[in-house]
Amino acid sequence: MTAVFIISAPSGSGKSTLVKKVRGIVSGLDFSVSYTTRSPRGDEQNGIEYFFVSREEFEEMVRRDEFLEHAEVFGNCYGTAKRFLEQAQRRGHDLLLDIDVQGAEQIKRKLPQAVSIFVLPPDRKTLEERLRHRSLDAEPVIQRRLVTASREIENYEKYDYILVNDRLEDSIDGLAAILLAERLKRSDAPRNAADAETLAKAERCRLVHVRDRLQPILASFAAAATPNGR
């Protein structure tokens, strides 16, 4: 049975890098390339980072009910095509969806068994530095992304697992453990010591076990939202 994994994060949290790295580690994992109406950035290629389509094409896909989920973000439309899930099911693979909070809510309504993972930056300052380092956005867009990040982070409790992306290597290891642990849970095969370690590592990323670590991160965003926190 195909497992569906949802991974969400504020823009600039390092989610795309995590996904790229973990796809090289975990076999039998398909990835859904989203459709978008925004223009390519930098060296982005059609069909690799996104499928870039016109708004008219996107709206026609909506009318044909071709999306598992779709939403408008920063004036652009994004959507996950149903065909990726169908392809994964035919191959006997699992499916990883890189989608925002709005899309994740839609997927969970349609596929309640989907496993959700939320990636957080270590704090607001680090997120701002990463956004500036990308050099992809003008200052007003960076500020808007930071405001949006504050709102998105408020949804962390809706997710099954939380990854704080402070050290990339640890985050890659944690994400791979989550994916593999969920597979182990669906398998009837005998477990060995390595399996037990994978399950334990994934369990440490469960929301219930990371609440204390999240408090200073949430506080850093809350402080920036107040007049004295600017």
C-alpha atoms as a PDB file:
ATOM      1  CA  MET A   1       0.000   0.000   0.000  1.00  0.00           C
ATOM      2  CA  THR A   2       1.344   3.397  -0.997  1.00  0.00           C
ATOM      3  CA  ALA A   3       2.145   5.729   1.890  1.00  0.00           C
ATOM      4  CA  VAL A   4       1.738   9.441   1.337  1.00  0.00           C
ATOM      5  CA  PHE A   5       4.136  11.771   3.134  1.00  0.00           C
ATOM      6  CA  ILE A   6       3.456  15.503   3.387  1.00  0.00           C
ATOM      7  CA  ILE A   7       6.351  17.857   4.104  1.00  0.00           C
ATOM      8  CA  SER A   8       5.671  21.540   4.762  1.00  0.00           C
ATOM      9  CA  ALA A   9       7.806  24.463   5.912  1.00  0.00           C
ATOM     10  CA  PRO A  10       8.031  28.239   5.759  1.00  0.00           C
ATOM     11  CA  SER A  11       9.862  29.477   2.671  1.00  0.00           C
ATOM     12  CA  GLY A  12      13.599  29.506   3.385  1.00  0.00           C
ATOM     13  CA  SER A  13      13.569  26.712   5.976  1.00  0.00           C
ATOM     14  CA  GLY A  14      15.662  24.394   3.799  1.00  0.00           C
ATOM     15  CA  LYS A  15      12.845  22.023   2.915  1.00  0.00           C
ATOM     16  CA  SER A  16      13.800  21.681  -0.767  1.00  0.00           C
ATOM     17  CA  THR A  17      17.377  20.750   0.115  1.00  0.00           C
ATOM     18  CA  LEU A  18      16.148  18.200   2.653  1.00  0.00           C
ATOM     19  CA  VAL A  19      13.811  16.605   0.123  1.00  0.00           C
ATOM     20  CA  LYS A  20      16.519  16.434  -2.538  1.00  0.00           C
ATOM     21  CA  LYS A  21      18.998  14.799  -0.155  1.00  0.00           C
ATOM     22  CA  VAL A  22      16.583  12.278   1.330  1.00  0.00           C
ATOM     23  CA  ARG A  23      15.425  11.145  -2.110  1.00  0.00           C
ATOM     24  CA  GLY A  24      18.980   9.958  -2.670  1.00  0.00           C
ATOM     25  CA  ILE A  25      18.866   7.922   0.538  1.00  0.00           C
ATOM     26  CA  VAL A  26      15.381   6.377   0.641  1.00  0.00           C
ATOM     27  CA  SER A  27      14.550   4.089  -2.278  1.00  0.00           C
ATOM     28  CA  GLY A  28      11.053   3.462  -3.642  1.00  0.00           C
ATOM     29  CA  LEU A  29      10.058   7.049  -2.975  1.00  0.00           C
ATOM     30  CA  ASP A  30       8.332   9.049  -5.693  1.00  0.00           C
ATOM     31  CA  PHE A  31       8.214  12.820  -5.573  1.00  0.00           C
ATOM     32  CA  SER A  32       5.379  15.011  -6.760  1.00  0.00           C
ATOM     33  CA  VAL A  33       6.535  17.993  -8.815  1.00  0.00           C
ATOM     34  CA  SER A  34       3.993  20.763  -8.239  1.00  0.00           C
ATOM     35  CA  TYR A  35       2.349  22.853 -10.916  1.00  0.00           C
ATOM     36  CA  THR A  36       2.595  26.619 -10.555  1.00  0.00           C
ATOM     37  CA  THR A  37       1.622  29.774 -12.378  1.00  0.00           C
ATOM     38  CA  ARG A  38       4.670  31.701 -11.154  1.00  0.00           C
ATOM     39  CA  SER A  39       7.693  32.333 -13.356  1.00  0.00           C
ATOM     40  CA  PRO A  40      10.887  30.270 -12.992  1.00  0.00           C
ATOM     41  CA  ARG A  41      13.560  31.656 -10.665  1.00  0.00           C
ATOM     42  CA  GLY A  42      17.278  31.462 -11.321  1.00  0.00           C
ATOM     43  CA  ASP A  43      18.147  28.183 -13.043  1.00  0.00           C
ATOM     44  CA  GLU A  44      14.859  26.411 -12.259  1.00  0.00           C
ATOM     45  CA  GLN A  45      13.798  24.032 -15.008  1.00  0.00           C
ATOM     46  CA  ASN A  46      10.314  23.071 -16.120  1.00  0.00           C
ATOM     47  CA  GLY A  47       9.450  19.590 -14.868  1.00  0.00           C
ATOM     48  CA  ILE A  48      12.305  19.552 -12.332  1.00  0.00           C
ATOM     49  CA  GLU A  49      11.511  22.105  -9.619  1.00  0.00           C
ATOM     50  CA  TYR A  50       7.977  22.812 -10.912  1.00  0.00           C
ATOM     51  CA  PHE A  51       5.766  22.487 -13.934  1.00  0.00           C
ATOM     52  CA  PHE A  52       5.381  26.111 -15.001  1.00  0.00           C
ATOM     53  CA  VAL A  53       2.001  26.767 -16.608  1.00  0.00           C
ATOM     54  CA  SER A  54      -0.184  29.768 -17.384  1.00  0.00           C
ATOM     55  CA  ARG A  55      -3.056  30.687 -15.098  1.00  0.00           C
ATOM     56  CA  GLU A  56      -5.449  29.643 -17.866  1.00  0.00           C
ATOM     57  CA  GLU A  57      -3.847  26.182 -18.056  1.00  0.00           C
ATOM     58  CA  PHE A  58      -3.931  25.878 -14.272  1.00  0.00           C
ATOM     59  CA  GLU A  59      -7.600  26.851 -14.056  1.00  0.00           C
ATOM     60  CA  GLU A  60      -8.436  24.337 -16.780  1.00  0.00           C
ATOM     61  CA  MET A  61      -6.740  21.595 -14.728  1.00  0.00           C
ATOM     62  CA  VAL A  62      -8.850  22.675 -11.743  1.00  0.00           C
ATOM     63  CA  ARG A  63     -11.996  22.412 -13.854  1.00  0.00           C
ATOM     64  CA  ARG A  64     -10.965  18.917 -14.966  1.00  0.00           C
ATOM     65  CA  ASP A  65     -10.454  17.938 -11.296  1.00  0.00           C
ATOM     66  CA  GLU A  66      -6.822  16.972 -11.928  1.00  0.00           C
ATOM     67  CA  PHE A  67      -5.442  18.174  -8.583  1.00  0.00           C
ATOM     68  CA  LEU A  68      -5.213  16.442  -5.225  1.00  0.00           C
ATOM     69  CA  GLU A  69      -4.825  19.919  -3.768  1.00  0.00           C
ATOM     70  CA  HIS A  70      -4.295  23.441  -5.003  1.00  0.00           C
ATOM     71  CA  ALA A  71      -3.953  26.879  -3.452  1.00  0.00           C
ATOM     72  CA  GLU A  72      -2.968  30.445  -4.202  1.00  0.00           C
ATOM     73  CA  VAL A  73       0.157  31.739  -2.446  1.00  0.00           C
ATOM     74  CA  PHE A  74       1.647  35.226  -2.921  1.00  0.00           C
ATOM     75  CA  GLY A  75      -0.579  35.757  -5.951  1.00  0.00           C
ATOM     76  CA  ASN A  76       0.491  32.553  -7.702  1.00  0.00           C
ATOM     77  CA  CYS A  77      -1.302  29.211  -7.931  1.00  0.00           C
ATOM     78  CA  TYR A  78       0.268  25.922  -6.870  1.00  0.00           C
ATOM     79  CA  GLY A  79      -1.162  22.421  -7.179  1.00  0.00           C
ATOM     80  CA  THR A  80      -0.385  18.709  -6.818  1.00  0.00           C
ATOM     81  CA  ALA A  81      -1.610  16.568  -9.698  1.00  0.00           C
ATOM     82  CA  LYS A  82      -3.507  13.366  -8.893  1.00  0.00           C
ATOM     83  CA  ARG A  83      -1.487  11.495 -11.493  1.00  0.00           C
ATOM     84  CA  PHE A  84       1.575  11.359  -9.225  1.00  0.00           C
ATOM     85  CA  LEU A  85      -0.320   9.358  -6.603  1.00  0.00           C
ATOM     86  CA  GLU A  86      -1.728   7.059  -9.286  1.00  0.00           C
ATOM     87  CA  GLN A  87       1.769   6.474 -10.697  1.00  0.00           C
ATOM     88  CA  ALA A  88       3.216   5.734  -7.257  1.00  0.00           C
ATOM     89  CA  GLN A  89       0.438   3.230  -6.560  1.00  0.00           C
ATOM     90  CA  ARG A  90       1.107   1.421  -9.844  1.00  0.00           C
ATOM     91  CA  ARG A  91       4.826   1.196  -9.036  1.00  0.00           C
ATOM     92  CA  GLY A  92       4.292   0.117  -5.449  1.00  0.00           C
ATOM     93  CA  HIS A  93       6.207   3.192  -4.282  1.00  0.00           C
ATOM     94  CA  ASP A  94       5.526   5.731  -1.559  1.00  0.00           C
ATOM     95  CA  LEU A  95       4.833   9.363  -2.459  1.00  0.00           C
ATOM     96  CA  LEU A  96       6.401  12.491  -0.963  1.00  0.00           C
ATOM     97  CA  LEU A  97       4.488  15.756  -1.336  1.00  0.00           C
ATOM     98  CA  ASP A  98       6.289  19.069  -0.849  1.00  0.00           C
ATOM     99  CA  ILE A  99       3.350  21.392  -0.164  1.00  0.00           C
ATOM    100  CA  ASP A 100       2.371  24.346   1.995  1.00  0.00           C
ATOM    101  CA  VAL A 101       0.051  24.436   4.999  1.00  0.00           C
ATOM    102  CA  GLN A 102      -3.063  25.096   2.883  1.00  0.00           C
ATOM    103  CA  GLY A 103      -2.317  22.145   0.626  1.00  0.00           C
ATOM    104  CA  ALA A 104      -1.498  19.893   3.567  1.00  0.00           C
ATOM    105  CA  GLU A 105      -4.921  20.534   5.090  1.00  0.00           C
ATOM    106  CA  GLN A 106      -6.598  19.593   1.816  1.00  0.00           C
ATOM    107  CA  ILE A 107      -4.567  16.395   1.513  1.00  0.00           C
ATOM    108  CA  LYS A 108      -5.330  15.362   5.095  1.00  0.00           C
ATOM    109  CA  ARG A 109      -9.052  15.794   4.463  1.00  0.00           C
ATOM    110  CA  LYS A 110      -8.853  13.546   1.393  1.00  0.00           C
ATOM    111  CA  LEU A 111      -6.195  11.150   2.738  1.00  0.00           C
ATOM    112  CA  PRO A 112      -6.419  11.091   6.564  1.00  0.00           C
ATOM    113  CA  GLN A 113      -3.772   8.359   6.723  1.00  0.00           C
ATOM    114  CA  ALA A 114      -1.124  10.624   5.154  1.00  0.00           C
ATOM    115  CA  VAL A 115       1.890  11.237   7.394  1.00  0.00           C
ATOM    116  CA  SER A 116       2.699  14.929   7.876  1.00  0.00           C
ATOM    117  CA  ILE A 117       6.081  16.492   8.646  1.00  0.00           C
ATOM    118  CA  PHE A 118       6.702  20.159   9.436  1.00  0.00           C
ATOM    119  CA  VAL A 119      10.180  21.662   9.041  1.00  0.00           C
ATOM    120  CA  LEU A 120      11.076  24.640  11.212  1.00  0.00           C
ATOM    121  CA  PRO A 121      14.055  26.998  11.158  1.00  0.00           C
ATOM    122  CA  PRO A 122      15.998  27.292  14.450  1.00  0.00           C
ATOM    123  CA  ASP A 123      14.612  30.827  14.920  1.00  0.00           C
ATOM    124  CA  ARG A 124      13.283  33.814  13.016  1.00  0.00           C
ATOM    125  CA  LYS A 125      16.703  35.451  12.632  1.00  0.00           C
ATOM    126  CA  THR A 126      18.109  32.369  10.917  1.00  0.00           C
ATOM    127  CA  LEU A 127      15.123  32.202   8.578  1.00  0.00           C
ATOM    128  CA  GLU A 128      15.582  35.855   7.599  1.00  0.00           C
ATOM    129  CA  GLU A 129      19.289  35.276   6.959  1.00  0.00           C
ATOM    130  CA  ARG A 130      18.509  32.289   4.733  1.00  0.00           C
ATOM    131  CA  LEU A 131      15.934  34.249   2.747  1.00  0.00           C
ATOM    132  CA  ARG A 132      18.430  37.054   2.172  1.00  0.00           C
ATOM    133  CA  HIS A 133      21.208  34.623   1.271  1.00  0.00           C
ATOM    134  CA  ARG A 134      19.080  33.120  -1.514  1.00  0.00           C
ATOM    135  CA  SER A 135      18.986  36.554  -3.218  1.00  0.00           C
ATOM    136  CA  LEU A 136      15.802  35.514  -4.993  1.00  0.00           C
ATOM    137  CA  ASP A 137      13.408  38.113  -3.593  1.00  0.00           C
ATOM    138  CA  ALA A 138      13.196  41.868  -3.201  1.00  0.00           C
ATOM    139  CA  GLU A 139      12.990  43.306   0.326  1.00  0.00           C
ATOM    140  CA  PRO A 140       9.166  43.679   0.379  1.00  0.00           C
ATOM    141  CA  VAL A 141       8.826  40.014  -0.640  1.00  0.00           C
ATOM    142  CA  ILE A 142      11.246  38.899   2.086  1.00  0.00           C
ATOM    143  CA  GLN A 143       9.235  40.798   4.694  1.00  0.00           C
ATOM    144  CA  ARG A 144       6.013  39.268   3.379  1.00  0.00           C
ATOM    145  CA  ARG A 145       7.524  35.797   3.553  1.00  0.00           C
ATOM    146  CA  LEU A 146       8.528  36.376   7.173  1.00  0.00           C
ATOM    147  CA  VAL A 147       5.000  37.459   8.069  1.00  0.00           C
ATOM    148  CA  THR A 148       3.604  34.418   6.267  1.00  0.00           C
ATOM    149  CA  ALA A 149       6.111  32.178   8.066  1.00  0.00           C
ATOM    150  CA  SER A 150       4.800  33.429  11.411  1.00  0.00           C
ATOM    151  CA  ARG A 151       1.275  32.410  10.417  1.00  0.00           C
ATOM    152  CA  GLU A 152       2.333  29.053   8.973  1.00  0.00           C
ATOM    153  CA  ILE A 153       4.299  28.128  12.081  1.00  0.00           C
ATOM    154  CA  GLU A 154       1.124  28.488  14.144  1.00  0.00           C
ATOM    155  CA  ASN A 155      -0.104  25.319  12.381  1.00  0.00           C
ATOM    156  CA  TYR A 156       2.699  23.102  13.696  1.00  0.00           C
ATOM    157  CA  GLU A 157       0.359  21.188  16.010  1.00  0.00           C
ATOM    158  CA  LYS A 158      -1.532  19.802  13.009  1.00  0.00           C
ATOM    159  CA  TYR A 159       1.537  17.797  11.947  1.00  0.00           C
ATOM    160  CA  ASP A 160       2.652  14.345  13.076  1.00  0.00           C
ATOM    161  CA  TYR A 161       6.377  15.054  13.097  1.00  0.00           C
ATOM    162  CA  ILE A 162       8.482  18.187  13.600  1.00  0.00           C
ATOM    163  CA  LEU A 163      12.016  18.681  12.260  1.00  0.00           C
ATOM    164  CA  VAL A 164      14.050  21.666  13.425  1.00  0.00           C
ATOM    165  CA  ASN A 165      16.490  22.277  10.593  1.00  0.00           C
ATOM    166  CA  ASP A 166      19.466  23.708  12.448  1.00  0.00           C
ATOM    167  CA  ARG A 167      22.066  21.169  11.268  1.00  0.00           C
ATOM    168  CA  LEU A 168      21.409  19.867   7.754  1.00  0.00           C
ATOM    169  CA  GLU A 169      23.011  16.454   8.317  1.00  0.00           C
ATOM    170  CA  ASP A 170      20.894  15.800  11.412  1.00  0.00           C
ATOM    171  CA  SER A 171      17.737  16.943   9.631  1.00  0.00           C
ATOM    172  CA  ILE A 172      18.410  14.668   6.652  1.00  0.00           C
ATOM    173  CA  ASP A 173      19.001  11.776   9.051  1.00  0.00           C
ATOM    174  CA  GLY A 174      15.791  12.584  10.934  1.00  0.00           C
ATOM    175  CA  LEU A 175      13.659  12.853   7.805  1.00  0.00           C
ATOM    176  CA  ALA A 176      14.999   9.578   6.414  1.00  0.00           C
ATOM    177  CA  ALA A 177      14.283   7.906   9.773  1.00  0.00           C
ATOM    178  CA  ILE A 178      10.678   9.122   9.720  1.00  0.00           C
ATOM    179  CA  LEU A 179      10.055   7.775   6.225  1.00  0.00           C
ATOM    180  CA  LEU A 180      11.698   4.429   6.965  1.00  0.00           C
ATOM    181  CA  ALA A 181      10.009   4.085  10.374  1.00  0.00           C
ATOM    182  CA  GLU A 182       6.582   4.549   8.844  1.00  0.00           C
ATOM    183  CA  ARG A 183       7.411   1.804   6.365  1.00  0.00           C
ATOM    184  CA  LEU A 184       8.496  -0.485   9.185  1.00  0.00           C
ATOM    185  CA  LYS A 185       5.183   0.096  10.938  1.00  0.00           C
ATOM    186  CA  ARG A 186       3.344  -1.138   7.857  1.00  0.00           C
ATOM    187  CA  SER A 187       5.551  -4.190   7.450  1.00  0.00           C
ATOM    188  CA  ASP A 188       5.103  -7.615   9.044  1.00  0.00           C
ATOM    189  CA  ALA A 189       8.774  -8.501   8.587  1.00  0.00           C
ATOM    190  CA  PRO A 190      10.859  -9.267  11.698  1.00  0.00           C
ATOM    191  CA  ARG A 191      12.749  -6.242  13.064  1.00  0.00           C
ATOM    192  CA  ASN A 192      16.417  -6.054  13.908  1.00  0.00           C
ATOM    193  CA  ALA A 193      18.513  -3.694  16.027  1.00  0.00           C
ATOM    194  CA  ALA A 194      18.908  -1.213  13.149  1.00  0.00           C
ATOM    195  CA  ASP A 195      15.129  -1.111  12.717  1.00  0.00           C
ATOM    196  CA  ALA A 196      14.673  -0.415  16.428  1.00  0.00           C
ATOM    197  CA  GLU A 197      17.157   2.461  16.196  1.00  0.00           C
ATOM    198  CA  THR A 198      15.306   3.907  13.181  1.00  0.00           C
ATOM    199  CA  LEU A 199      11.976   3.706  14.991  1.00  0.00           C
ATOM    200  CA  ALA A 200      13.434   5.380  18.087  1.00  0.00           C
ATOM    201  CA  LYS A 201      15.024   8.166  16.032  1.00  0.00           C
ATOM    202  CA  ALA A 202      11.734   8.874  14.267  1.00  0.00           C
ATOM    203  CA  GLU A 203       9.813   8.800  17.533  1.00  0.00           C
ATOM    204  CA  ARG A 204      12.060  11.553  18.916  1.00  0.00           C
ATOM    205  CA  CYS A 205      10.733  13.783  16.115  1.00  0.00           C
ATOM    206  CA  ARG A 206       7.114  13.236  17.160  1.00  0.00           C
ATOM    207  CA  LEU A 207       5.330  16.453  18.101  1.00  0.00           C
ATOM    208  CA  VAL A 208       4.787  15.289  21.672  1.00  0.00           C
ATOM    209  CA  HIS A 209       8.546  14.892  22.168  1.00  0.00           C
ATOM    210  CA  VAL A 210       9.711  18.214  20.725  1.00  0.00           C
ATOM    211  CA  ARG A 211       7.316  20.677  22.356  1.00  0.00           C
ATOM    212  CA  ASP A 212       9.936  22.041  24.770  1.00  0.00           C
ATOM    213  CA  ARG A 213      12.412  22.611  21.945  1.00  0.00           C
ATOM    214  CA  LEU A 214       9.800  24.529  19.964  1.00  0.00           C
ATOM    215  CA  GLN A 215       9.088  27.155  22.606  1.00  0.00           C
ATOM    216  CA  PRO A 216      12.123  29.416  21.957  1.00  0.00           C
ATOM    217  CA  ILE A 217      11.550  29.120  18.192  1.00  0.00           C
ATOM    218  CA  LEU A 218       7.916  30.182  18.505  1.00  0.00           C
ATOM    219  CA  ALA A 219       8.932  32.944  20.904  1.00  0.00           C
ATOM    220  CA  SER A 220      11.409  34.380  18.385  1.00  0.00           C
ATOM    221  CA  PHE A 221       8.617  34.817  15.846  1.00  0.00           C
ATOM    222  CA  ALA A 222       6.179  36.150  18.433  1.00  0.00           C
ATOM    223  CA  ALA A 223       8.711  38.757  19.597  1.00  0.00           C
ATOM    224  CA  ALA A 224       9.224  40.020  16.059  1.00  0.00           C
ATOM    225  CA  ALA A 225       5.469  40.453  15.661  1.00  0.00           C
ATOM    226  CA  THR A 226       5.259  42.931  18.567  1.00  0.00           C
ATOM    227  CA  PRO A 227       6.292  46.613  18.391  1.00  0.00           C
ATOM    228  CA  ASN A 228       9.094  46.059  20.916  1.00  0.00           C
ATOM    229  CA  GLY A 229      10.348  43.020  19.037  1.00  0.00           C
ATOM    230  CA  ARG A 230      11.296  44.796  15.820  1.00  0.00           C
END
